[in-house]
C-alpha atoms as a PDB file:
ATOM      1  CA  MET A   1     134.489 101.174 114.012  1.00  0.00           C
ATOM      2  CA  ASN A   2     131.177 100.835 112.217  1.00  0.00           C
ATOM      3  CA  GLU A   3     131.541 101.195 108.430  1.00  0.00           C
ATOM      4  CA  LEU A   4     128.638 103.660 108.285  1.00  0.00           C
ATOM      5  CA  ILE A   5     130.315 105.918 110.858  1.00  0.00           C
ATOM      6  CA  LYS A   6     133.579 105.787 108.906  1.00  0.00           C
ATOM      7  CA  ARG A   7     131.777 106.668 105.673  1.00  0.00           C
ATOM      8  CA  LEU A   8     129.907 109.562 107.314  1.00  0.00           C
ATOM      9  CA  ALA A   9     133.123 110.910 108.875  1.00  0.00           C
ATOM     10  CA  LYS A  10     134.872 110.809 105.502  1.00  0.00           C
ATOM     11  CA  GLN A  11     131.899 112.474 103.819  1.00  0.00           C
ATOM     12  CA  ALA A  12     131.836 115.217 106.475  1.00  0.00           C
ATOM     13  CA  HIS A  13     135.538 115.853 105.911  1.00  0.00           C
ATOM     14  CA  GLU A  14     135.122 116.003 102.129  1.00  0.00           C
ATOM     15  CA  ASP A  15     132.061 118.277 102.334  1.00  0.00           C
ATOM     16  CA  VAL A  16     133.741 120.741 104.696  1.00  0.00           C
ATOM     17  CA  ILE A  17     136.934 120.884 102.628  1.00  0.00           C
ATOM     18  CA  LYS A  18     134.986 121.268  99.371  1.00  0.00           C
ATOM     19  CA  ASN A  19     132.695 124.037 100.662  1.00  0.00           C
ATOM     20  CA  THR A  20     135.042 126.062 102.883  1.00  0.00           C
ATOM     21  CA  PRO A  21     138.264 127.928 102.143  1.00  0.00           C
ATOM     22  CA  SER A  22     141.045 125.951 103.845  1.00  0.00           C
ATOM     23  CA  VAL A  23     142.118 128.806 106.149  1.00  0.00           C
ATOM     24  CA  LEU A  24     138.618 128.909 107.663  1.00  0.00           C
ATOM     25  CA  VAL A  25     138.135 125.173 108.349  1.00  0.00           C
ATOM     26  CA  THR A  26     137.705 124.386 112.029  1.00  0.00           C
ATOM     27  CA  LYS A  27     137.196 121.265 114.095  1.00  0.00           C
ATOM     28  CA  GLU A  28     133.696 122.505 114.931  1.00  0.00           C
ATOM     29  CA  MET A  29     132.801 122.581 111.230  1.00  0.00           C
ATOM     30  CA  TYR A  30     133.697 118.893 110.925  1.00  0.00           C
ATOM     31  CA  GLU A  31     131.765 118.054 114.076  1.00  0.00           C
ATOM     32  CA  GLN A  32     128.662 119.940 112.949  1.00  0.00           C
ATOM     33  CA  LYS A  33     128.698 118.387 109.486  1.00  0.00           C
ATOM     34  CA  PHE A  34     129.306 114.921 110.935  1.00  0.00           C
ATOM     35  CA  ALA A  35     126.431 115.346 113.425  1.00  0.00           C
ATOM     36  CA  LYS A  36     124.132 116.450 110.601  1.00  0.00           C
ATOM     37  CA  LEU A  37     125.059 113.430 108.483  1.00  0.00           C
ATOM     38  CA  VAL A  38     124.552 111.046 111.417  1.00  0.00           C
ATOM     39  CA  ALA A  39     121.124 112.563 112.134  1.00  0.00           C
ATOM     40  CA  GLU A  40     120.152 112.203 108.454  1.00  0.00           C
ATOM     41  CA  ALA A  41     121.252 108.561 108.424  1.00  0.00           C
ATOM     42  CA  GLU A  42     119.340 107.872 111.640  1.00  0.00           C
ATOM     43  CA  ARG A  43     116.168 109.512 110.300  1.00  0.00           C
ATOM     44  CA  GLU A  44     116.422 107.473 107.108  1.00  0.00           C
ATOM     45  CA  ALA A  45     116.948 104.237 109.065  1.00  0.00           C
ATOM     46  CA  CYS A  46     113.899 104.982 111.230  1.00  0.00           C
ATOM     47  CA  ALA A  47     111.761 105.858 108.208  1.00  0.00           C
ATOM     48  CA  LYS A  48     112.850 102.675 106.434  1.00  0.00           C
ATOM     49  CA  LEU A  49     111.981 100.645 109.528  1.00  0.00           C
ATOM     50  CA  CYS A  50     108.482 102.147 109.505  1.00  0.00           C
ATOM     51  CA  GLU A  51     108.027 101.381 105.820  1.00  0.00           C
ATOM     52  CA  ASP A  52     109.204  97.805 106.304  1.00  0.00           C
ATOM     53  CA  SER A  53     107.079  97.189 109.415  1.00  0.00           C
ATOM     54  CA  TRP A  54     103.907  96.155 107.669  1.00  0.00           C
ATOM     55  CA  MET A  55     103.324  92.840 109.413  1.00  0.00           C
ATOM     56  CA  ALA A  56     101.748  92.286 112.787  1.00  0.00           C
ATOM     57  CA  PHE A  57     102.633  89.345 114.965  1.00  0.00           C
ATOM     58  CA  SER A  58     100.835  87.861 117.894  1.00  0.00           C
ATOM     59  CA  ARG A  59     102.395  88.016 121.354  1.00  0.00           C
ATOM     60  CA  THR A  60     102.315  84.237 121.286  1.00  0.00           C
ATOM     61  CA  PRO A  61     105.671  83.010 119.959  1.00  0.00           C
ATOM     62  CA  ASN A  62     105.644  81.621 116.411  1.00  0.00           C
ATOM     63  CA  ARG A  63     101.981  82.510 115.841  1.00  0.00           C
ATOM     64  CA  ARG A  64     101.359  85.013 113.063  1.00  0.00           C
ATOM     65  CA  LEU A  65      98.256  87.140 112.842  1.00  0.00           C
ATOM     66  CA  ASP A  66      96.568  88.153 109.633  1.00  0.00           C
ATOM     67  CA  ILE A  67      98.995  90.254 107.650  1.00  0.00           C
ATOM     68  CA  THR A  68      97.649  93.672 106.754  1.00  0.00           C
ATOM     69  CA  PRO A  69      99.412  96.744 105.399  1.00  0.00           C
ATOM     70  CA  PHE A  70      99.464  99.817 107.624  1.00  0.00           C
ATOM     71  CA  PRO A  71      99.245 102.986 105.497  1.00  0.00           C
ATOM     72  CA  GLU A  72      99.786 104.985 108.677  1.00  0.00           C
ATOM     73  CA  LEU A  73     103.380 103.767 108.742  1.00  0.00           C
ATOM     74  CA  GLU A  74     104.036 105.327 105.343  1.00  0.00           C
ATOM     75  CA  TYR A  75     102.825 108.632 106.792  1.00  0.00           C
ATOM     76  CA  VAL A  76     105.083 108.202 109.831  1.00  0.00           C
ATOM     77  CA  ALA A  77     108.050 107.561 107.510  1.00  0.00           C
ATOM     78  CA  LYS A  78     107.273 110.786 105.596  1.00  0.00           C
ATOM     79  CA  VAL A  79     107.064 112.750 108.848  1.00  0.00           C
ATOM     80  CA  ILE A  80     110.412 111.355 110.014  1.00  0.00           C
ATOM     81  CA  ARG A  81     112.090 112.317 106.742  1.00  0.00           C
ATOM     82  CA  ALA A  82     110.495 115.770 106.798  1.00  0.00           C
ATOM     83  CA  ARG A  83     112.154 116.550 110.130  1.00  0.00           C
ATOM     84  CA  GLY A  84     115.440 116.905 108.261  1.00  0.00           C
ATOM     85  CA  GLU A  85     113.954 119.459 105.882  1.00  0.00           C
ATOM     86  CA  LYS A  86     113.033 121.772 108.774  1.00  0.00           C
ATOM     87  CA  ALA A  87     116.570 121.904 110.138  1.00  0.00           C
END
């Protein structure tokens, strides 16, 4: 199993136990918390990809174009991260 998935599952378990009286903990609570953590990790990975994608390459293999930063990608990364704040 992917180490990230294991870490998120453990974190979901710890968060639910820490924030809920034990008699009220349900399987659905774990699933909801786990899904939220996975979505957060996915948003962060996508935002990071946008921030790191500042080079353009030609369609011709092994031929690089002029390298220019794309400030628009920083905006896209902010928008991706902001989606988690609306939830």
